[in-house]
Amino acid sequence: ADEQKILKQIRSAVTDSGDVPADQMSPGMENLFNIYREIDRRAHDSFLLDYRAGKLSYGDFKTELGNSLVEFTRPFKERLKEISADKKAVRNQVKESSSEIRKVAATTLKEVKELAGLI
């Protein structure tokens, strides 16, 4: 997704599901924290300390998570853009790879037939 869509999705993510025991995190918050843990462990740990102390600003948390997610996905988007820009080269690479794969498969099939006594 584009940056604005990612930020909007994170901002609109459900964080409070109502009847959650005081010693447990709501499923929505747990999901957001799990995302954060995978992309920025240090920020995750810092926000988790704030959460446990009852000092977490959900708005600030979501804003920072959204920004971190945008930064995390940027290299993937740039690489996809590069690949998409030269579709002919990608097709040629697939053709070359397919040719090599067919050669290996033919050799493997021949070996299997020999081992099975079919040749």
PDB file of N, CA and C in Angstrom:
ATOM      1  N   ALA A   1       0.846  -1.186   0.000  1.00  0.00           N
ATOM      2  CA  ALA A   1       0.000   0.000   0.000  1.00  0.00           C
ATOM      3  C   ALA A   1       0.888   1.245   0.000  1.00  0.00           C
ATOM      4  N   ASP A   2       0.314   2.337  -0.448  1.00  0.00           N
ATOM      5  CA  ASP A   2       1.095   3.574  -0.419  1.00  0.00           C
ATOM      6  C   ASP A   2       1.190   4.076   1.027  1.00  0.00           C
ATOM      7  N   GLU A   3       2.073   5.036   1.236  1.00  0.00           N
ATOM      8  CA  GLU A   3       2.370   5.505   2.594  1.00  0.00           C
ATOM      9  C   GLU A   3       1.130   6.022   3.320  1.00  0.00           C
ATOM     10  N   GLN A   4       0.335   6.826   2.640  1.00  0.00           N
ATOM     11  CA  GLN A   4      -0.850   7.400   3.285  1.00  0.00           C
ATOM     12  C   GLN A   4      -1.848   6.324   3.699  1.00  0.00           C
ATOM     13  N   LYS A   5      -1.983   5.291   2.877  1.00  0.00           N
ATOM     14  CA  LYS A   5      -2.908   4.204   3.213  1.00  0.00           C
ATOM     15  C   LYS A   5      -2.412   3.432   4.439  1.00  0.00           C
ATOM     16  N   ILE A   6      -1.112   3.187   4.498  1.00  0.00           N
ATOM     17  CA  ILE A   6      -0.543   2.494   5.660  1.00  0.00           C
ATOM     18  C   ILE A   6      -0.796   3.302   6.925  1.00  0.00           C
ATOM     19  N   LEU A   7      -0.504   4.606   6.857  1.00  0.00           N
ATOM     20  CA  LEU A   7      -0.697   5.466   8.023  1.00  0.00           C
ATOM     21  C   LEU A   7      -2.161   5.489   8.450  1.00  0.00           C
ATOM     22  N   LYS A   8      -3.071   5.555   7.489  1.00  0.00           N
ATOM     23  CA  LYS A   8      -4.505   5.585   7.793  1.00  0.00           C
ATOM     24  C   LYS A   8      -4.953   4.263   8.431  1.00  0.00           C
ATOM     25  N   GLN A   9      -4.472   3.155   7.888  1.00  0.00           N
ATOM     26  CA  GLN A   9      -4.855   1.853   8.438  1.00  0.00           C
ATOM     27  C   GLN A   9      -4.377   1.695   9.878  1.00  0.00           C
ATOM     28  N   ILE A  10      -3.173   2.133  10.161  1.00  0.00           N
ATOM     29  CA  ILE A  10      -2.654   2.025  11.528  1.00  0.00           C
ATOM     30  C   ILE A  10      -3.432   2.959  12.456  1.00  0.00           C
ATOM     31  N   ARG A  11      -3.692   4.199  12.006  1.00  0.00           N
ATOM     32  CA  ARG A  11      -4.448   5.146  12.840  1.00  0.00           C
ATOM     33  C   ARG A  11      -5.845   4.636  13.163  1.00  0.00           C
ATOM     34  N   SER A  12      -6.458   3.916  12.216  1.00  0.00           N
ATOM     35  CA  SER A  12      -7.834   3.460  12.423  1.00  0.00           C
ATOM     36  C   SER A  12      -7.919   2.060  13.037  1.00  0.00           C
ATOM     37  N   ALA A  13      -6.784   1.457  13.346  1.00  0.00           N
ATOM     38  CA  ALA A  13      -6.782   0.117  13.946  1.00  0.00           C
ATOM     39  C   ALA A  13      -7.443   0.156  15.323  1.00  0.00           C
ATOM     40  N   VAL A  14      -8.240  -0.860  15.601  1.00  0.00           N
ATOM     41  CA  VAL A  14      -8.932  -0.959  16.887  1.00  0.00           C
ATOM     42  C   VAL A  14      -7.912  -1.269  17.977  1.00  0.00           C
ATOM     43  N   THR A  15      -7.962  -0.499  19.066  1.00  0.00           N
ATOM     44  CA  THR A  15      -7.026  -0.732  20.169  1.00  0.00           C
ATOM     45  C   THR A  15      -7.743  -1.157  21.441  1.00  0.00           C
ATOM     46  N   ASP A  16      -8.998  -0.853  21.564  1.00  0.00           N
ATOM     47  CA  ASP A  16      -9.736  -1.165  22.788  1.00  0.00           C
ATOM     48  C   ASP A  16     -10.976  -1.973  22.431  1.00  0.00           C
ATOM     49  N   SER A  17     -11.024  -3.202  22.925  1.00  0.00           N
ATOM     50  CA  SER A  17     -12.176  -4.048  22.625  1.00  0.00           C
ATOM     51  C   SER A  17     -13.123  -4.182  23.811  1.00  0.00           C
ATOM     52  N   GLY A  18     -12.992  -3.307  24.777  1.00  0.00           N
ATOM     53  CA  GLY A  18     -13.953  -3.278  25.876  1.00  0.00           C
ATOM     54  C   GLY A  18     -13.605  -4.157  27.047  1.00  0.00           C
ATOM     55  N   ASP A  19     -14.231  -5.299  27.137  1.00  0.00           N
ATOM     56  CA  ASP A  19     -14.140  -6.169  28.312  1.00  0.00           C
ATOM     57  C   ASP A  19     -12.864  -7.006  28.338  1.00  0.00           C
ATOM     58  N   VAL A  20     -11.746  -6.368  28.577  1.00  0.00           N
ATOM     59  CA  VAL A  20     -10.469  -7.072  28.684  1.00  0.00           C
ATOM     60  C   VAL A  20      -9.992  -6.919  30.123  1.00  0.00           C
ATOM     61  N   PRO A  21      -9.621  -8.025  30.774  1.00  0.00           N
ATOM     62  CA  PRO A  21      -9.117  -7.928  32.140  1.00  0.00           C
ATOM     63  C   PRO A  21      -7.939  -6.952  32.238  1.00  0.00           C
ATOM     64  N   ALA A  22      -7.809  -6.311  33.373  1.00  0.00           N
ATOM     65  CA  ALA A  22      -6.790  -5.278  33.570  1.00  0.00           C
ATOM     66  C   ALA A  22      -5.371  -5.785  33.345  1.00  0.00           C
ATOM     67  N   ASP A  23      -5.136  -7.064  33.585  1.00  0.00           N
ATOM     68  CA  ASP A  23      -3.786  -7.603  33.433  1.00  0.00           C
ATOM     69  C   ASP A  23      -3.496  -8.124  32.027  1.00  0.00           C
ATOM     70  N   GLN A  24      -4.440  -7.923  31.102  1.00  0.00           N
ATOM     71  CA  GLN A  24      -4.256  -8.403  29.737  1.00  0.00           C
ATOM     72  C   GLN A  24      -4.341  -7.255  28.737  1.00  0.00           C
ATOM     73  N   MET A  25      -3.677  -7.443  27.619  1.00  0.00           N
ATOM     74  CA  MET A  25      -3.706  -6.468  26.540  1.00  0.00           C
ATOM     75  C   MET A  25      -4.861  -6.847  25.607  1.00  0.00           C
ATOM     76  N   SER A  26      -5.564  -5.851  25.091  1.00  0.00           N
ATOM     77  CA  SER A  26      -6.643  -6.140  24.154  1.00  0.00           C
ATOM     78  C   SER A  26      -6.057  -6.770  22.896  1.00  0.00           C
ATOM     79  N   PRO A  27      -6.839  -7.579  22.208  1.00  0.00           N
ATOM     80  CA  PRO A  27      -6.323  -8.208  20.977  1.00  0.00           C
ATOM     81  C   PRO A  27      -5.815  -7.183  19.961  1.00  0.00           C
ATOM     82  N   GLY A  28      -6.494  -6.049  19.838  1.00  0.00           N
ATOM     83  CA  GLY A  28      -6.061  -5.019  18.898  1.00  0.00           C
ATOM     84  C   GLY A  28      -4.698  -4.452  19.252  1.00  0.00           C
ATOM     85  N   MET A  29      -4.489  -4.147  20.518  1.00  0.00           N
ATOM     86  CA  MET A  29      -3.193  -3.621  20.956  1.00  0.00           C
ATOM     87  C   MET A  29      -2.113  -4.685  20.826  1.00  0.00           C
ATOM     88  N   GLU A  30      -2.458  -5.900  21.156  1.00  0.00           N
ATOM     89  CA  GLU A  30      -1.482  -6.979  21.041  1.00  0.00           C
ATOM     90  C   GLU A  30      -1.026  -7.124  19.588  1.00  0.00           C
ATOM     91  N   ASN A  31      -1.964  -7.021  18.662  1.00  0.00           N
ATOM     92  CA  ASN A  31      -1.636  -7.108  17.246  1.00  0.00           C
ATOM     93  C   ASN A  31      -0.679  -5.982  16.843  1.00  0.00           C
ATOM     94  N   LEU A  32      -0.983  -4.762  17.253  1.00  0.00           N
ATOM     95  CA  LEU A  32      -0.117  -3.632  16.911  1.00  0.00           C
ATOM     96  C   LEU A  32       1.268  -3.779  17.539  1.00  0.00           C
ATOM     97  N   PHE A  33       1.311  -4.229  18.778  1.00  0.00           N
ATOM     98  CA  PHE A  33       2.607  -4.446  19.424  1.00  0.00           C
ATOM     99  C   PHE A  33       3.396  -5.551  18.726  1.00  0.00           C
ATOM    100  N   ASN A  34       2.707  -6.589  18.263  1.00  0.00           N
ATOM    101  CA  ASN A  34       3.396  -7.661  17.534  1.00  0.00           C
ATOM    102  C   ASN A  34       4.011  -7.135  16.241  1.00  0.00           C
ATOM    103  N   ILE A  35       3.287  -6.275  15.535  1.00  0.00           N
ATOM    104  CA  ILE A  35       3.825  -5.667  14.321  1.00  0.00           C
ATOM    105  C   ILE A  35       5.065  -4.854  14.670  1.00  0.00           C
ATOM    106  N   TYR A  36       4.936  -4.035  15.712  1.00  0.00           N
ATOM    107  CA  TYR A  36       6.056  -3.172  16.110  1.00  0.00           C
ATOM    108  C   TYR A  36       7.274  -4.003  16.510  1.00  0.00           C
ATOM    109  N   ARG A  37       7.041  -5.081  17.222  1.00  0.00           N
ATOM    110  CA  ARG A  37       8.156  -5.930  17.667  1.00  0.00           C
ATOM    111  C   ARG A  37       8.955  -6.447  16.470  1.00  0.00           C
ATOM    112  N   GLU A  38       8.276  -6.756  15.382  1.00  0.00           N
ATOM    113  CA  GLU A  38       8.947  -7.314  14.210  1.00  0.00           C
ATOM    114  C   GLU A  38       9.711  -6.275  13.404  1.00  0.00           C
ATOM    115  N   ILE A  39       9.328  -5.012  13.471  1.00  0.00           N
ATOM    116  CA  ILE A  39       9.999  -4.014  12.641  1.00  0.00           C
ATOM    117  C   ILE A  39      10.948  -3.105  13.407  1.00  0.00           C
ATOM    118  N   ASP A  40      10.740  -2.961  14.722  1.00  0.00           N
ATOM    119  CA  ASP A  40      11.620  -2.083  15.508  1.00  0.00           C
ATOM    120  C   ASP A  40      11.542  -2.499  16.973  1.00  0.00           C
ATOM    121  N   ARG A  41      12.389  -3.419  17.342  1.00  0.00           N
ATOM    122  CA  ARG A  41      12.343  -4.012  18.688  1.00  0.00           C
ATOM    123  C   ARG A  41      12.571  -2.977  19.787  1.00  0.00           C
ATOM    124  N   ARG A  42      13.499  -2.038  19.565  1.00  0.00           N
ATOM    125  CA  ARG A  42      13.809  -1.054  20.593  1.00  0.00           C
ATOM    126  C   ARG A  42      12.597  -0.149  20.866  1.00  0.00           C
ATOM    127  N   ALA A  43      11.953   0.336  19.804  1.00  0.00           N
ATOM    128  CA  ALA A  43      10.773   1.184  19.980  1.00  0.00           C
ATOM    129  C   ALA A  43       9.640   0.379  20.613  1.00  0.00           C
ATOM    130  N   HIS A  44       9.484  -0.869  20.200  1.00  0.00           N
ATOM    131  CA  HIS A  44       8.463  -1.752  20.777  1.00  0.00           C
ATOM    132  C   HIS A  44       8.648  -1.843  22.286  1.00  0.00           C
ATOM    133  N   ASP A  45       9.876  -2.124  22.703  1.00  0.00           N
ATOM    134  CA  ASP A  45      10.141  -2.288  24.129  1.00  0.00           C
ATOM    135  C   ASP A  45       9.871  -1.009  24.905  1.00  0.00           C
ATOM    136  N   SER A  46      10.231   0.125  24.334  1.00  0.00           N
ATOM    137  CA  SER A  46       9.996   1.409  24.984  1.00  0.00           C
ATOM    138  C   SER A  46       8.500   1.686  25.147  1.00  0.00           C
ATOM    139  N   PHE A  47       7.738   1.470  24.059  1.00  0.00           N
ATOM    140  CA  PHE A  47       6.292   1.682  24.130  1.00  0.00           C
ATOM    141  C   PHE A  47       5.627   0.671  25.068  1.00  0.00           C
ATOM    142  N   LEU A  48       6.159  -0.536  25.120  1.00  0.00           N
ATOM    143  CA  LEU A  48       5.595  -1.545  26.014  1.00  0.00           C
ATOM    144  C   LEU A  48       5.773  -1.133  27.469  1.00  0.00           C
ATOM    145  N   LEU A  49       6.911  -0.559  27.787  1.00  0.00           N
ATOM    146  CA  LEU A  49       7.121  -0.060  29.157  1.00  0.00           C
ATOM    147  C   LEU A  49       6.094   1.029  29.480  1.00  0.00           C
ATOM    148  N   ASP A  50       5.866   1.946  28.537  1.00  0.00           N
ATOM    149  CA  ASP A  50       4.857   2.994  28.739  1.00  0.00           C
ATOM    150  C   ASP A  50       3.471   2.381  28.912  1.00  0.00           C
ATOM    151  N   TYR A  51       3.169   1.382  28.098  1.00  0.00           N
ATOM    152  CA  TYR A  51       1.861   0.725  28.173  1.00  0.00           C
ATOM    153  C   TYR A  51       1.655   0.098  29.557  1.00  0.00           C
ATOM    154  N   ARG A  52       2.657  -0.638  29.994  1.00  0.00           N
ATOM    155  CA  ARG A  52       2.552  -1.320  31.298  1.00  0.00           C
ATOM    156  C   ARG A  52       2.478  -0.339  32.457  1.00  0.00           C
ATOM    157  N   ALA A  53       3.071   0.847  32.280  1.00  0.00           N
ATOM    158  CA  ALA A  53       3.026   1.873  33.325  1.00  0.00           C
ATOM    159  C   ALA A  53       1.748   2.700  33.243  1.00  0.00           C
ATOM    160  N   GLY A  54       0.916   2.437  32.231  1.00  0.00           N
ATOM    161  CA  GLY A  54      -0.314   3.187  32.058  1.00  0.00           C
ATOM    162  C   GLY A  54      -0.094   4.584  31.503  1.00  0.00           C
ATOM    163  N   LYS A  55       1.043   4.800  30.844  1.00  0.00           N
ATOM    164  CA  LYS A  55       1.391   6.121  30.337  1.00  0.00           C
ATOM    165  C   LYS A  55       1.414   6.190  28.814  1.00  0.00           C
ATOM    166  N   LEU A  56       0.882   5.164  28.153  1.00  0.00           N
ATOM    167  CA  LEU A  56       0.950   5.118  26.700  1.00  0.00           C
ATOM    168  C   LEU A  56      -0.121   5.992  26.071  1.00  0.00           C
ATOM    169  N   SER A  57       0.300   6.868  25.175  1.00  0.00           N
ATOM    170  CA  SER A  57      -0.616   7.647  24.355  1.00  0.00           C
ATOM    171  C   SER A  57      -0.870   6.832  23.090  1.00  0.00           C
ATOM    172  N   TYR A  58      -2.102   6.327  22.928  1.00  0.00           N
ATOM    173  CA  TYR A  58      -2.402   5.490  21.779  1.00  0.00           C
ATOM    174  C   TYR A  58      -2.174   6.243  20.478  1.00  0.00           C
ATOM    175  N   GLY A  59      -2.478   7.521  20.460  1.00  0.00           N
ATOM    176  CA  GLY A  59      -2.270   8.321  19.254  1.00  0.00           C
ATOM    177  C   GLY A  59      -0.805   8.398  18.883  1.00  0.00           C
ATOM    178  N   ASP A  60       0.044   8.691  19.854  1.00  0.00           N
ATOM    179  CA  ASP A  60       1.486   8.757  19.591  1.00  0.00           C
ATOM    180  C   ASP A  60       2.017   7.386  19.170  1.00  0.00           C
ATOM    181  N   PHE A  61       1.545   6.363  19.841  1.00  0.00           N
ATOM    182  CA  PHE A  61       1.966   4.998  19.533  1.00  0.00           C
ATOM    183  C   PHE A  61       1.625   4.655  18.090  1.00  0.00           C
ATOM    184  N   LYS A  62       0.395   4.914  17.686  1.00  0.00           N
ATOM    185  CA  LYS A  62      -0.027   4.587  16.323  1.00  0.00           C
ATOM    186  C   LYS A  62       0.716   5.424  15.287  1.00  0.00           C
ATOM    187  N   THR A  63       0.964   6.683  15.593  1.00  0.00           N
ATOM    188  CA  THR A  63       1.700   7.543  14.668  1.00  0.00           C
ATOM    189  C   THR A  63       3.114   7.015  14.462  1.00  0.00           C
ATOM    190  N   GLU A  64       3.783   6.688  15.554  1.00  0.00           N
ATOM    191  CA  GLU A  64       5.157   6.178  15.456  1.00  0.00           C
ATOM    192  C   GLU A  64       5.194   4.812  14.774  1.00  0.00           C
ATOM    193  N   LEU A  65       4.220   3.960  15.084  1.00  0.00           N
ATOM    194  CA  LEU A  65       4.159   2.652  14.438  1.00  0.00           C
ATOM    195  C   LEU A  65       3.942   2.823  12.939  1.00  0.00           C
ATOM    196  N   GLY A  66       3.020   3.693  12.561  1.00  0.00           N
ATOM    197  CA  GLY A  66       2.772   3.936  11.144  1.00  0.00           C
ATOM    198  C   GLY A  66       4.020   4.432  10.432  1.00  0.00           C
ATOM    199  N   ASN A  67       4.709   5.387  11.040  1.00  0.00           N
ATOM    200  CA  ASN A  67       5.940   5.910  10.439  1.00  0.00           C
ATOM    201  C   ASN A  67       7.013   4.829  10.326  1.00  0.00           C
ATOM    202  N   SER A  68       7.136   4.012  11.358  1.00  0.00           N
ATOM    203  CA  SER A  68       8.123   2.927  11.330  1.00  0.00           C
ATOM    204  C   SER A  68       7.784   1.907  10.249  1.00  0.00           C
ATOM    205  N   LEU A  69       6.505   1.616  10.098  1.00  0.00           N
ATOM    206  CA  LEU A  69       6.070   0.657   9.084  1.00  0.00           C
ATOM    207  C   LEU A  69       6.324   1.196   7.676  1.00  0.00           C
ATOM    208  N   VAL A  70       6.083   2.475   7.476  1.00  0.00           N
ATOM    209  CA  VAL A  70       6.363   3.097   6.184  1.00  0.00           C
ATOM    210  C   VAL A  70       7.852   3.001   5.872  1.00  0.00           C
ATOM    211  N   GLU A  71       8.702   3.311   6.852  1.00  0.00           N
ATOM    212  CA  GLU A  71      10.155   3.232   6.648  1.00  0.00           C
ATOM    213  C   GLU A  71      10.603   1.797   6.398  1.00  0.00           C
ATOM    214  N   PHE A  72      10.006   0.867   7.115  1.00  0.00           N
ATOM    215  CA  PHE A  72      10.364  -0.548   6.973  1.00  0.00           C
ATOM    216  C   PHE A  72      10.033  -1.063   5.576  1.00  0.00           C
ATOM    217  N   THR A  73       8.901  -0.653   5.025  1.00  0.00           N
ATOM    218  CA  THR A  73       8.466  -1.160   3.721  1.00  0.00           C
ATOM    219  C   THR A  73       9.074  -0.406   2.543  1.00  0.00           C
ATOM    220  N   ARG A  74       9.667   0.739   2.778  1.00  0.00           N
ATOM    221  CA  ARG A  74      10.214   1.564   1.688  1.00  0.00           C
ATOM    222  C   ARG A  74      11.196   0.805   0.793  1.00  0.00           C
ATOM    223  N   PRO A  75      12.190   0.081   1.319  1.00  0.00           N
ATOM    224  CA  PRO A  75      13.114  -0.635   0.425  1.00  0.00           C
ATOM    225  C   PRO A  75      12.417  -1.678  -0.451  1.00  0.00           C
ATOM    226  N   PHE A  76      11.396  -2.335   0.082  1.00  0.00           N
ATOM    227  CA  PHE A  76      10.669  -3.329  -0.698  1.00  0.00           C
ATOM    228  C   PHE A  76       9.924  -2.660  -1.854  1.00  0.00           C
ATOM    229  N   LYS A  77       9.324  -1.526  -1.560  1.00  0.00           N
ATOM    230  CA  LYS A  77       8.589  -0.791  -2.588  1.00  0.00           C
ATOM    231  C   LYS A  77       9.532  -0.278  -3.669  1.00  0.00           C
ATOM    232  N   GLU A  78      10.696   0.214  -3.265  1.00  0.00           N
ATOM    233  CA  GLU A  78      11.667   0.704  -4.238  1.00  0.00           C
ATOM    234  C   GLU A  78      12.157  -0.427  -5.134  1.00  0.00           C
ATOM    235  N   ARG A  79      12.407  -1.582  -4.548  1.00  0.00           N
ATOM    236  CA  ARG A  79      12.858  -2.732  -5.344  1.00  0.00           C
ATOM    237  C   ARG A  79      11.760  -3.188  -6.298  1.00  0.00           C
ATOM    238  N   LEU A  80      10.531  -3.214  -5.842  1.00  0.00           N
ATOM    239  CA  LEU A  80       9.417  -3.587  -6.710  1.00  0.00           C
ATOM    240  C   LEU A  80       9.286  -2.609  -7.869  1.00  0.00           C
ATOM    241  N   LYS A  81       9.485  -1.348  -7.582  1.00  0.00           N
ATOM    242  CA  LYS A  81       9.420  -0.320  -8.626  1.00  0.00           C
ATOM    243  C   LYS A  81      10.520  -0.554  -9.665  1.00  0.00           C
ATOM    244  N   GLU A  82      11.724  -0.885  -9.212  1.00  0.00           N
ATOM    245  CA  GLU A  82      12.822  -1.178 -10.131  1.00  0.00           C
ATOM    246  C   GLU A  82      12.502  -2.375 -11.010  1.00  0.00           C
ATOM    247  N   ILE A  83      11.992  -3.425 -10.398  1.00  0.00           N
ATOM    248  CA  ILE A  83      11.673  -4.638 -11.142  1.00  0.00           C
ATOM    249  C   ILE A  83      10.553  -4.359 -12.144  1.00  0.00           C
ATOM    250  N   SER A  84       9.546  -3.651 -11.713  1.00  0.00           N
ATOM    251  CA  SER A  84       8.409  -3.353 -12.576  1.00  0.00           C
ATOM    252  C   SER A  84       8.793  -2.444 -13.738  1.00  0.00           C
ATOM    253  N   ALA A  85       9.808  -1.626 -13.557  1.00  0.00           N
ATOM    254  CA  ALA A  85      10.216  -0.686 -14.598  1.00  0.00           C
ATOM    255  C   ALA A  85      10.836  -1.399 -15.804  1.00  0.00           C
ATOM    256  N   ASP A  86      11.404  -2.562 -15.588  1.00  0.00           N
ATOM    257  CA  ASP A  86      12.060  -3.278 -16.683  1.00  0.00           C
ATOM    258  C   ASP A  86      11.480  -4.679 -16.817  1.00  0.00           C
ATOM    259  N   LYS A  87      10.245  -4.732 -17.254  1.00  0.00           N
ATOM    260  CA  LYS A  87       9.542  -6.016 -17.357  1.00  0.00           C
ATOM    261  C   LYS A  87      10.184  -6.940 -18.383  1.00  0.00           C
ATOM    262  N   LYS A  88      10.757  -6.364 -19.434  1.00  0.00           N
ATOM    263  CA  LYS A  88      11.399  -7.185 -20.467  1.00  0.00           C
ATOM    264  C   LYS A  88      12.577  -7.950 -19.866  1.00  0.00           C
ATOM    265  N   ALA A  89      13.368  -7.279 -19.046  1.00  0.00           N
ATOM    266  CA  ALA A  89      14.513  -7.942 -18.413  1.00  0.00           C
ATOM    267  C   ALA A  89      14.049  -9.049 -17.478  1.00  0.00           C
ATOM    268  N   VAL A  90      12.967  -8.807 -16.774  1.00  0.00           N
ATOM    269  CA  VAL A  90      12.426  -9.825 -15.867  1.00  0.00           C
ATOM    270  C   VAL A  90      11.956 -11.037 -16.669  1.00  0.00           C
ATOM    271  N   ARG A  91      11.235 -10.785 -17.775  1.00  0.00           N
ATOM    272  CA  ARG A  91      10.779 -11.904 -18.622  1.00  0.00           C
ATOM    273  C   ARG A  91      11.961 -12.701 -19.157  1.00  0.00           C
ATOM    274  N   ASN A  92      13.002 -11.997 -19.597  1.00  0.00           N
ATOM    275  CA  ASN A  92      14.190 -12.689 -20.105  1.00  0.00           C
ATOM    276  C   ASN A  92      14.857 -13.520 -19.020  1.00  0.00           C
ATOM    277  N   GLN A  93      14.904 -12.980 -17.827  1.00  0.00           N
ATOM    278  CA  GLN A  93      15.509 -13.719 -16.719  1.00  0.00           C
ATOM    279  C   GLN A  93      14.693 -14.971 -16.405  1.00  0.00           C
ATOM    280  N   VAL A  94      13.373 -14.857 -16.454  1.00  0.00           N
ATOM    281  CA  VAL A  94      12.511 -16.018 -16.217  1.00  0.00           C
ATOM    282  C   VAL A  94      12.738 -17.064 -17.300  1.00  0.00           C
ATOM    283  N   LYS A  95      12.840 -16.633 -18.561  1.00  0.00           N
ATOM    284  CA  LYS A  95      13.084 -17.581 -19.658  1.00  0.00           C
ATOM    285  C   LYS A  95      14.407 -18.308 -19.467  1.00  0.00           C
ATOM    286  N   GLU A  96      15.455 -17.544 -19.115  1.00  0.00           N
ATOM    287  CA  GLU A  96      16.762 -18.155 -18.894  1.00  0.00           C
ATOM    288  C   GLU A  96      16.712 -19.153 -17.747  1.00  0.00           C
ATOM    289  N   SER A  97      16.073 -18.767 -16.677  1.00  0.00           N
ATOM    290  CA  SER A  97      15.958 -19.656 -15.517  1.00  0.00           C
ATOM    291  C   SER A  97      15.159 -20.897 -15.877  1.00  0.00           C
ATOM    292  N   SER A  98      14.091 -20.725 -16.632  1.00  0.00           N
ATOM    293  CA  SER A  98      13.259 -21.863 -17.028  1.00  0.00           C
ATOM    294  C   SER A  98      14.056 -22.855 -17.850  1.00  0.00           C
ATOM    295  N   SER A  99      14.895 -22.361 -18.752  1.00  0.00           N
ATOM    296  CA  SER A  99      15.718 -23.229 -19.579  1.00  0.00           C
ATOM    297  C   SER A  99      16.671 -24.048 -18.717  1.00  0.00           C
ATOM    298  N   GLU A 100      17.321 -23.397 -17.764  1.00  0.00           N
ATOM    299  CA  GLU A 100      18.240 -24.094 -16.864  1.00  0.00           C
ATOM    300  C   GLU A 100      17.503 -25.117 -15.996  1.00  0.00           C
ATOM    301  N   ILE A 101      16.343 -24.736 -15.537  1.00  0.00           N
ATOM    302  CA  ILE A 101      15.550 -25.636 -14.684  1.00  0.00           C
ATOM    303  C   ILE A 101      15.124 -26.867 -15.478  1.00  0.00           C
ATOM    304  N   ARG A 102      14.732 -26.689 -16.747  1.00  0.00           N
ATOM    305  CA  ARG A 102      14.341 -27.824 -17.583  1.00  0.00           C
ATOM    306  C   ARG A 102      15.505 -28.804 -17.760  1.00  0.00           C
ATOM    307  N   LYS A 103      16.715 -28.271 -17.949  1.00  0.00           N
ATOM    308  CA  LYS A 103      17.892 -29.134 -18.101  1.00  0.00           C
ATOM    309  C   LYS A 103      18.114 -29.975 -16.849  1.00  0.00           C
ATOM    310  N   VAL A 104      18.030 -29.337 -15.691  1.00  0.00           N
ATOM    311  CA  VAL A 104      18.227 -30.058 -14.418  1.00  0.00           C
ATOM    312  C   VAL A 104      17.121 -31.085 -14.235  1.00  0.00           C
ATOM    313  N   ALA A 105      15.888 -30.711 -14.551  1.00  0.00           N
ATOM    314  CA  ALA A 105      14.754 -31.622 -14.394  1.00  0.00           C
ATOM    315  C   ALA A 105      14.899 -32.825 -15.316  1.00  0.00           C
ATOM    316  N   ALA A 106      15.351 -32.615 -16.548  1.00  0.00           N
ATOM    317  CA  ALA A 106      15.522 -33.719 -17.496  1.00  0.00           C
ATOM    318  C   ALA A 106      16.573 -34.697 -16.988  1.00  0.00           C
ATOM    319  N   THR A 107      17.663 -34.167 -16.460  1.00  0.00           N
ATOM    320  CA  THR A 107      18.714 -35.019 -15.908  1.00  0.00           C
ATOM    321  C   THR A 107      18.194 -35.812 -14.715  1.00  0.00           C
ATOM    322  N   THR A 108      17.461 -35.142 -13.841  1.00  0.00           N
ATOM    323  CA  THR A 108      16.902 -35.806 -12.655  1.00  0.00           C
ATOM    324  C   THR A 108      15.914 -36.889 -13.068  1.00  0.00           C
ATOM    325  N   LEU A 109      15.059 -36.601 -14.035  1.00  0.00           N
ATOM    326  CA  LEU A 109      14.068 -37.570 -14.504  1.00  0.00           C
ATOM    327  C   LEU A 109      14.753 -38.790 -15.105  1.00  0.00           C
ATOM    328  N   LYS A 110      15.821 -38.554 -15.851  1.00  0.00           N
ATOM    329  CA  LYS A 110      16.564 -39.667 -16.444  1.00  0.00           C
ATOM    330  C   LYS A 110      17.150 -40.549 -15.344  1.00  0.00           C
ATOM    331  N   GLU A 111      17.727 -39.930 -14.312  1.00  0.00           N
ATOM    332  CA  GLU A 111      18.306 -40.694 -13.201  1.00  0.00           C
ATOM    333  C   GLU A 111      17.244 -41.506 -12.478  1.00  0.00           C
ATOM    334  N   VAL A 112      16.069 -40.910 -12.263  1.00  0.00           N
ATOM    335  CA  VAL A 112      14.980 -41.610 -11.584  1.00  0.00           C
ATOM    336  C   VAL A 112      14.521 -42.805 -12.418  1.00  0.00           C
ATOM    337  N   LYS A 113      14.371 -42.608 -13.728  1.00  0.00           N
ATOM    338  CA  LYS A 113      13.946 -43.715 -14.604  1.00  0.00           C
ATOM    339  C   LYS A 113      14.966 -44.849 -14.584  1.00  0.00           C
ATOM    340  N   GLU A 114      16.265 -44.497 -14.597  1.00  0.00           N
ATOM    341  CA  GLU A 114      17.302 -45.513 -14.538  1.00  0.00           C
ATOM    342  C   GLU A 114      17.236 -46.287 -13.216  1.00  0.00           C
ATOM    343  N   LEU A 115      17.064 -45.551 -12.117  1.00  0.00           N
ATOM    344  CA  LEU A 115      16.982 -46.204 -10.802  1.00  0.00           C
ATOM    345  C   LEU A 115      15.734 -47.079 -10.697  1.00  0.00           C
ATOM    346  N   ALA A 116      14.658 -46.672 -11.332  1.00  0.00           N
ATOM    347  CA  ALA A 116      13.409 -47.433 -11.279  1.00  0.00           C
ATOM    348  C   ALA A 116      13.396 -48.570 -12.289  1.00  0.00           C
ATOM    349  N   GLY A 117      14.422 -48.657 -13.123  1.00  0.00           N
ATOM    350  CA  GLY A 117      14.498 -49.718 -14.111  1.00  0.00           C
ATOM    351  C   GLY A 117      13.604 -49.471 -15.312  1.00  0.00           C
ATOM    352  N   LEU A 118      13.265 -48.251 -15.575  1.00  0.00           N
ATOM    353  CA  LEU A 118      12.408 -47.942 -16.715  1.00  0.00           C
ATOM    354  C   LEU A 118      13.201 -47.675 -17.987  1.00  0.00           C
ATOM    355  N   ILE A 119      14.521 -47.545 -17.839  1.00  0.00           N
ATOM    356  CA  ILE A 119      15.372 -47.335 -19.033  1.00  0.00           C
ATOM    357  C   ILE A 119      16.297 -48.531 -19.156  1.00  0.00           C
TER     358      ILE A 119
END
